[in-house]
Amino acid sequence: MMSSKSICVAGAGSIGCFVGGMLRSGGHAVSLLARPRVIDEINRNGLKVTSFEGIERRLSSAEIKLSGDPAIFADADIILVTVKSDDTAEIAELIAQHARKDAVIVSLQNGTGNVSVLREAMPDHDVLAGMVPFNVLSMDDGHFHRATSGDILLEKDDADTAKLLSTPEFVFRGVDDIEGVQWGKLLVNLNNALNALSGLPLRDQLAQRSWRVLFADQMREALAVIKAEGIAPVSTTPLPASFTPFILKLPDALFTKIAASMVKIDPKARSSMWEDLQRGRRTEIDHLQGLIVALAQRHGLKAPLSARIVALIREAEQAAKGSPGLTPEQVRSPVRSG
């Protein structure tokens, strides 16, 4: 374990606070660059990280360094970037200004283009891509709860940063084709918007075949666009990405049995995009369905379902009333199933 190294989380929201809390509990020295609201919560209540498997760790505010000043990067050996994709260029400039030249930069963000932005801003740094498979709920008062399963995947490097970060309770795994993994995760993350529009817990939403068929049609549309782009997505489950739409359309009982063997979901789990709508924050829709629409236009293809979902999320953002609680039929209209 890399107890002699120091880790800074750049942009500690739900994912960043959970990851930072688990790494600190595992013995690493951890600092968080966070917004005043998050810093105030942790200063008042400490940092509590829990997981649906039963993990519960509590840290006092004295056990983890908190700051809103990017000068905090100067002390870090490894910087974990967890900001939203729209904020990548801004955080990259701040890291470039304050981080040591030997600091390793790791992107733990959704989307597929963040690493190139980081590398362009920091050509002299080692910048690694990563993929976080689980989602984290902010329970307020400094409490962050992991609600789905999976290990963090990290681009392999000579220093074996994945192994250095790993602790007995919190595993990072090195992989060769991290770009393919990120595209595979993007396909899964297309459900983030559907979950946000439904307002249902993830497990309840995925238990309903009408929602799964909508997800499958959305995924099939995206797979055609990704293929035109010349990308081979790597599935984040034991099933190939191209086979997932078929599984999603199975009858409820059979799907539930298969899904239970691949991923564990807390009954409380909802997508990060649902939480964004509930808290009146902008979403990452431009980097999910929005990206599919943009790629489809580049290749002269149609992506009507993706375009419809982008429009619905934009309406929900502007309404600022949280999830609109739509049905699959309302989401799909006027788009018909393929």
Protein backbone atom coordinates (compact mmCIF):
# COMPACT_ATOMS: atom_id res chain seq x y z
CA MET A 1 0.00 0.00 0.00
CA MET A 2 1.24 3.45 -0.96
CA SER A 3 1.17 5.01 2.51
CA SER A 4 4.16 7.24 1.67
CA LYS A 5 2.27 8.98 -1.14
CA SER A 6 -0.30 11.73 -0.85
CA ILE A 7 -3.54 11.87 -2.87
CA CYS A 8 -5.64 14.92 -3.71
CA VAL A 9 -9.18 14.66 -5.06
CA ALA A 10 -9.82 17.52 -7.48
CA GLY A 11 -13.49 18.42 -7.32
CA ALA A 12 -14.79 16.33 -4.44
CA GLY A 13 -18.50 15.82 -4.99
CA SER A 14 -20.30 12.53 -4.37
CA ILE A 15 -17.82 10.27 -6.18
CA GLY A 16 -14.79 12.24 -5.03
CA CYS A 17 -15.78 12.26 -1.37
CA PHE A 18 -16.55 8.54 -1.38
CA VAL A 19 -13.29 7.66 -3.14
CA GLY A 20 -11.32 10.00 -0.90
CA GLY A 21 -12.95 8.63 2.23
CA MET A 22 -12.25 5.03 1.29
CA LEU A 23 -8.64 5.78 0.39
CA ARG A 24 -8.10 7.62 3.67
CA SER A 25 -9.69 4.76 5.59
CA GLY A 26 -7.29 2.43 3.82
CA GLY A 27 -4.26 4.34 5.09
CA HIS A 28 -3.50 6.88 2.37
CA ALA A 29 -2.94 10.57 3.08
CA VAL A 30 -5.86 12.31 1.36
CA SER A 31 -6.87 15.91 0.69
CA LEU A 32 -10.06 17.15 -0.96
CA LEU A 33 -10.47 20.22 -3.14
CA ALA A 34 -14.18 20.88 -2.69
CA ARG A 35 -16.90 23.51 -2.80
CA PRO A 36 -17.70 25.47 0.38
CA ARG A 37 -20.93 23.52 0.94
CA VAL A 38 -19.10 20.19 1.00
CA ILE A 39 -16.30 21.56 3.19
CA ASP A 40 -18.83 22.97 5.68
CA GLU A 41 -20.71 19.65 5.83
CA ILE A 42 -17.54 17.66 6.57
CA ASN A 43 -16.23 20.22 9.05
CA ARG A 44 -19.52 20.00 10.97
CA ASN A 45 -20.17 16.28 10.72
CA GLY A 46 -16.97 14.56 9.65
CA LEU A 47 -16.88 12.38 6.52
CA LYS A 48 -18.98 9.21 6.52
CA VAL A 49 -18.71 6.70 3.67
CA THR A 50 -20.99 3.69 3.44
CA SER A 51 -21.73 1.00 0.88
CA PHE A 52 -24.63 -1.33 0.23
CA GLU A 53 -22.34 -4.28 1.10
CA GLY A 54 -22.27 -3.04 4.70
CA ILE A 55 -19.06 -0.97 4.72
CA GLU A 56 -19.24 2.02 7.07
CA ARG A 57 -16.30 4.28 7.76
CA ARG A 58 -16.27 7.57 9.68
CA LEU A 59 -13.50 10.14 9.52
CA SER A 60 -13.19 13.29 11.57
CA SER A 61 -12.51 16.54 9.72
CA ALA A 62 -9.02 16.44 11.24
CA GLU A 63 -8.24 13.16 9.44
CA ILE A 64 -8.67 14.55 5.95
CA LYS A 65 -7.39 17.86 4.55
CA LEU A 66 -10.12 20.11 3.12
CA SER A 67 -9.63 23.19 1.00
CA GLY A 68 -11.19 25.34 -1.68
CA ASP A 69 -7.75 26.62 -2.71
CA PRO A 70 -6.11 24.81 -5.68
CA ALA A 71 -2.72 25.45 -4.05
CA ILE A 72 -3.54 22.19 -2.24
CA PHE A 73 -2.39 20.36 -5.40
CA ALA A 74 1.24 21.24 -4.64
CA ASP A 75 1.44 18.57 -1.92
CA ALA A 76 -0.02 15.73 -4.00
CA ASP A 77 1.77 12.79 -5.56
CA ILE A 78 -1.44 11.64 -7.27
CA ILE A 79 -4.36 13.88 -8.24
CA LEU A 80 -7.73 12.23 -8.87
CA VAL A 81 -9.95 14.37 -11.10
CA THR A 82 -13.67 13.93 -10.35
CA VAL A 83 -15.24 17.14 -11.69
CA LYS A 84 -18.01 17.07 -14.28
CA SER A 85 -16.86 16.93 -17.89
CA ASP A 86 -17.86 20.55 -18.56
CA ASP A 87 -15.40 21.63 -15.85
CA THR A 88 -12.41 19.62 -17.08
CA ALA A 89 -10.65 22.44 -18.93
CA GLU A 90 -10.93 24.75 -15.91
CA ILE A 91 -9.61 22.20 -13.40
CA ALA A 92 -6.83 21.21 -15.83
CA GLU A 93 -5.54 24.79 -15.87
CA LEU A 94 -5.58 24.94 -12.07
CA ILE A 95 -3.73 21.64 -11.74
CA ALA A 96 -1.16 22.75 -14.33
CA GLN A 97 -0.53 25.93 -12.33
CA HIS A 98 -0.15 24.31 -8.91
CA ALA A 99 0.78 20.62 -9.22
CA ARG A 100 4.32 19.29 -9.12
CA LYS A 101 5.70 18.05 -12.44
CA ASP A 102 6.04 14.52 -11.08
CA ALA A 103 2.42 14.34 -9.92
CA VAL A 104 0.35 11.65 -11.65
CA ILE A 105 -3.07 12.85 -12.86
CA VAL A 106 -5.94 10.34 -12.94
CA SER A 107 -9.32 11.08 -14.52
CA LEU A 108 -12.18 9.33 -12.70
CA GLN A 109 -14.84 11.13 -14.75
CA ASN A 110 -17.76 10.09 -16.90
CA GLY A 111 -17.39 10.56 -20.64
CA THR A 112 -14.70 9.78 -23.17
CA GLY A 113 -12.93 13.08 -23.92
CA ASN A 114 -11.66 14.27 -20.56
CA VAL A 115 -8.21 12.68 -20.69
CA SER A 116 -7.33 14.42 -23.95
CA VAL A 117 -8.28 17.78 -22.39
CA LEU A 118 -6.12 17.05 -19.35
CA ARG A 119 -3.17 15.91 -21.45
CA GLU A 120 -3.33 18.98 -23.67
CA ALA A 121 -3.20 21.24 -20.60
CA MET A 122 -0.47 19.19 -18.91
CA PRO A 123 1.83 17.71 -21.57
CA ASP A 124 4.63 17.13 -19.06
CA HIS A 125 2.49 15.09 -16.64
CA ASP A 126 1.56 11.43 -16.64
CA VAL A 127 -2.22 11.50 -17.20
CA LEU A 128 -4.17 8.26 -16.81
CA ALA A 129 -7.74 7.45 -17.76
CA GLY A 130 -10.03 5.68 -15.32
CA MET A 131 -13.57 4.40 -15.09
CA VAL A 132 -15.78 4.35 -12.00
CA PRO A 133 -18.49 1.66 -12.44
CA PHE A 134 -20.54 2.43 -9.34
CA ASN A 135 -22.73 5.36 -8.39
CA VAL A 136 -22.68 7.28 -5.11
CA LEU A 137 -25.55 9.06 -3.40
CA SER A 138 -25.03 12.21 -1.36
CA MET A 139 -27.04 11.63 1.82
CA ASP A 140 -26.21 15.13 3.17
CA ASP A 141 -24.38 15.96 6.41
CA GLY A 142 -21.08 14.64 5.02
CA HIS A 143 -22.47 11.16 4.27
CA PHE A 144 -21.78 9.51 0.89
CA HIS A 145 -23.24 6.08 0.06
CA ARG A 146 -22.10 3.72 -2.71
CA ALA A 147 -25.23 2.12 -4.12
CA THR A 148 -23.96 -0.18 -6.90
CA SER A 149 -21.07 -2.60 -7.26
CA GLY A 150 -17.80 -2.74 -9.17
CA ASP A 151 -14.07 -1.99 -8.94
CA ILE A 152 -12.51 1.16 -10.38
CA LEU A 153 -10.68 0.43 -13.64
CA LEU A 154 -7.51 2.34 -14.46
CA GLU A 155 -5.26 2.59 -17.49
CA LYS A 156 -2.16 0.46 -16.98
CA ASP A 157 1.12 2.31 -16.50
CA ASP A 158 4.70 1.40 -15.65
CA ALA A 159 4.30 2.49 -12.02
CA ASP A 160 1.20 0.26 -11.62
CA THR A 161 -0.76 3.15 -10.15
CA ALA A 162 -3.85 0.95 -9.86
CA LYS A 163 -2.04 -1.36 -7.45
CA LEU A 164 -0.53 1.54 -5.53
CA LEU A 165 -3.96 3.07 -4.93
CA SER A 166 -5.71 -0.17 -3.99
CA THR A 167 -6.54 -1.05 -0.41
CA PRO A 168 -8.03 -4.32 0.91
CA GLU A 169 -11.55 -2.85 0.90
CA PHE A 170 -11.24 -0.61 -2.16
CA VAL A 171 -9.77 -2.02 -5.36
CA PHE A 172 -8.42 -0.34 -8.47
CA ARG A 173 -7.73 -2.69 -11.41
CA GLY A 174 -5.39 -1.94 -14.29
CA VAL A 175 -6.68 -2.61 -17.82
CA ASP A 176 -5.15 -2.40 -21.28
CA ASP A 177 -8.02 -1.00 -23.38
CA ILE A 178 -9.26 1.82 -21.17
CA GLU A 179 -10.73 3.70 -24.16
CA GLY A 180 -12.92 0.72 -25.02
CA VAL A 181 -13.91 0.43 -21.35
CA GLN A 182 -14.93 4.11 -21.27
CA TRP A 183 -17.14 3.67 -24.32
CA GLY A 184 -18.65 0.56 -22.77
CA LYS A 185 -19.41 2.58 -19.64
CA LEU A 186 -20.94 5.35 -21.76
CA LEU A 187 -23.41 2.81 -23.17
CA VAL A 188 -24.43 1.80 -19.65
CA ASN A 189 -24.59 5.45 -18.59
CA LEU A 190 -27.24 6.14 -21.23
CA ASN A 191 -29.63 4.85 -18.58
CA ASN A 192 -28.65 7.76 -16.30
CA ALA A 193 -30.98 10.08 -18.20
CA LEU A 194 -33.79 7.53 -18.32
CA ASN A 195 -33.54 7.06 -14.57
CA ALA A 196 -33.54 10.82 -14.05
CA LEU A 197 -36.65 11.20 -16.19
CA SER A 198 -38.44 8.34 -14.44
CA GLY A 199 -37.74 9.44 -10.87
CA LEU A 200 -37.72 5.76 -9.83
CA PRO A 201 -35.01 3.96 -7.88
CA LEU A 202 -32.71 2.22 -10.35
CA ARG A 203 -33.69 -1.26 -9.23
CA ASP A 204 -37.40 -0.49 -9.60
CA GLN A 205 -36.88 1.09 -13.00
CA LEU A 206 -34.85 -1.82 -14.35
CA ALA A 207 -37.40 -4.30 -12.97
CA GLN A 208 -39.94 -2.94 -15.49
CA ARG A 209 -39.61 -4.34 -19.00
CA SER A 210 -41.03 -1.19 -20.62
CA TRP A 211 -38.13 0.86 -19.21
CA ARG A 212 -35.60 -1.83 -20.20
CA VAL A 213 -36.92 -1.97 -23.78
CA LEU A 214 -36.52 1.80 -23.98
CA PHE A 215 -32.96 1.45 -22.65
CA ALA A 216 -32.27 -1.34 -25.16
CA ASP A 217 -33.52 0.74 -28.09
CA GLN A 218 -31.41 3.67 -26.90
CA MET A 219 -28.35 1.41 -26.62
CA ARG A 220 -28.91 -0.12 -30.06
CA GLU A 221 -29.12 3.35 -31.59
CA ALA A 222 -25.86 4.32 -29.85
CA LEU A 223 -24.09 1.10 -30.89
CA ALA A 224 -24.77 1.87 -34.57
CA VAL A 225 -23.30 5.35 -34.16
CA ILE A 226 -20.26 4.10 -32.23
CA LYS A 227 -19.61 1.46 -34.89
CA ALA A 228 -19.65 4.16 -37.58
CA GLU A 229 -17.04 6.03 -35.53
CA GLY A 230 -14.81 2.92 -35.65
CA ILE A 231 -14.93 2.28 -31.90
CA ALA A 232 -15.16 -1.15 -30.27
CA PRO A 233 -16.74 -0.69 -26.82
CA VAL A 234 -15.61 -3.03 -24.04
CA SER A 235 -18.48 -4.20 -21.87
CA THR A 236 -18.34 -3.45 -18.15
CA THR A 237 -20.29 -6.69 -17.53
CA PRO A 238 -19.49 -10.30 -18.49
CA LEU A 239 -21.78 -9.89 -21.54
CA PRO A 240 -20.59 -8.29 -24.81
CA ALA A 241 -22.00 -4.80 -25.35
CA SER A 242 -23.78 -5.90 -28.54
CA PHE A 243 -25.64 -8.61 -26.60
CA THR A 244 -26.90 -6.33 -23.81
CA PRO A 245 -29.98 -4.99 -25.67
CA PHE A 246 -31.22 -8.56 -26.10
CA ILE A 247 -30.80 -9.24 -22.37
CA LEU A 248 -32.63 -6.04 -21.48
CA LYS A 249 -35.67 -7.15 -23.48
CA LEU A 250 -36.04 -10.49 -21.70
CA PRO A 251 -39.09 -11.13 -19.50
CA ASP A 252 -38.82 -9.62 -16.02
CA ALA A 253 -38.11 -12.81 -14.08
CA LEU A 254 -35.36 -14.00 -16.43
CA PHE A 255 -33.74 -10.57 -16.65
CA THR A 256 -33.72 -10.19 -12.87
CA LYS A 257 -31.99 -13.56 -12.48
CA ILE A 258 -29.28 -12.73 -15.03
CA ALA A 259 -28.75 -9.18 -13.80
CA ALA A 260 -28.36 -10.29 -10.19
CA SER A 261 -25.31 -12.32 -11.20
CA MET A 262 -23.64 -9.31 -12.87
CA VAL A 263 -24.28 -6.24 -10.72
CA LYS A 264 -25.54 -5.50 -7.23
CA ILE A 265 -27.87 -2.52 -6.78
CA ASP A 266 -28.96 -0.94 -3.52
CA PRO A 267 -32.76 -0.41 -3.32
CA LYS A 268 -32.04 3.31 -2.74
CA ALA A 269 -29.79 3.72 -5.79
CA ARG A 270 -30.60 6.36 -8.37
CA SER A 271 -28.44 7.85 -11.12
CA SER A 272 -26.20 10.86 -10.65
CA MET A 273 -28.27 12.68 -13.26
CA TRP A 274 -31.39 12.18 -11.12
CA GLU A 275 -29.50 13.76 -8.22
CA ASP A 276 -28.42 16.64 -10.47
CA LEU A 277 -32.04 17.38 -11.37
CA GLN A 278 -33.16 17.12 -7.75
CA ARG A 279 -30.46 19.58 -6.66
CA GLY A 280 -30.95 22.00 -9.54
CA ARG A 281 -27.52 21.33 -11.07
CA ARG A 282 -26.64 21.06 -14.73
CA THR A 283 -26.34 17.50 -15.99
CA GLU A 284 -23.77 15.78 -18.19
CA ILE A 285 -26.31 15.01 -20.92
CA ASP A 286 -24.10 16.64 -23.59
CA HIS A 287 -21.43 14.03 -22.86
CA LEU A 288 -23.85 11.08 -23.02
CA GLN A 289 -26.87 11.19 -25.36
CA GLY A 290 -25.61 14.54 -26.63
CA LEU A 291 -22.38 12.92 -27.78
CA ILE A 292 -24.33 10.19 -29.61
CA VAL A 293 -26.35 12.87 -31.43
CA ALA A 294 -23.17 14.73 -32.42
CA LEU A 295 -21.48 11.57 -33.72
CA ALA A 296 -24.62 10.57 -35.64
CA GLN A 297 -24.62 13.95 -37.39
CA ARG A 298 -20.94 13.53 -38.25
CA HIS A 299 -21.68 10.24 -40.02
CA GLY A 300 -24.98 11.21 -41.61
CA LEU A 301 -26.97 8.93 -39.30
CA LYS A 302 -30.16 9.46 -37.33
CA ALA A 303 -30.34 9.27 -33.53
CA PRO A 304 -33.92 10.37 -32.80
CA LEU A 305 -34.21 8.67 -29.43
CA SER A 306 -30.99 10.24 -28.17
CA ALA A 307 -32.14 13.64 -29.44
CA ARG A 308 -35.51 13.24 -27.72
CA ILE A 309 -33.87 12.37 -24.39
CA VAL A 310 -31.49 15.34 -24.63
CA ALA A 311 -34.49 17.63 -25.17
CA LEU A 312 -36.38 16.16 -22.20
CA ILE A 313 -33.42 16.55 -19.86
CA ARG A 314 -32.94 20.14 -21.01
CA GLU A 315 -36.63 20.83 -20.26
CA ALA A 316 -36.23 19.31 -16.78
CA GLU A 317 -33.10 21.42 -16.14
CA GLN A 318 -34.92 24.59 -17.12
CA ALA A 319 -38.02 23.72 -15.08
CA ALA A 320 -35.81 23.21 -12.00
CA LYS A 321 -38.42 21.00 -10.33
CA GLY A 322 -36.41 17.80 -10.10
CA SER A 323 -37.34 14.64 -11.95
CA PRO A 324 -40.42 15.05 -14.16
CA GLY A 325 -41.55 11.49 -13.32
CA LEU A 326 -42.25 10.46 -16.91
CA THR A 327 -43.41 7.06 -18.17
CA PRO A 328 -41.50 5.14 -20.86
CA GLU A 329 -44.24 6.07 -23.33
CA GLN A 330 -43.85 9.76 -22.54
CA VAL A 331 -40.09 9.54 -22.95
CA ARG A 332 -40.37 7.66 -26.22
CA SER A 333 -43.06 9.78 -27.89
CA PRO A 334 -42.91 10.70 -30.72
CA VAL A 335 -40.06 8.23 -31.31
CA ARG A 336 -41.19 4.70 -32.14
CA SER A 337 -39.40 1.51 -31.08
CA GLY A 338 -36.99 0.02 -33.60
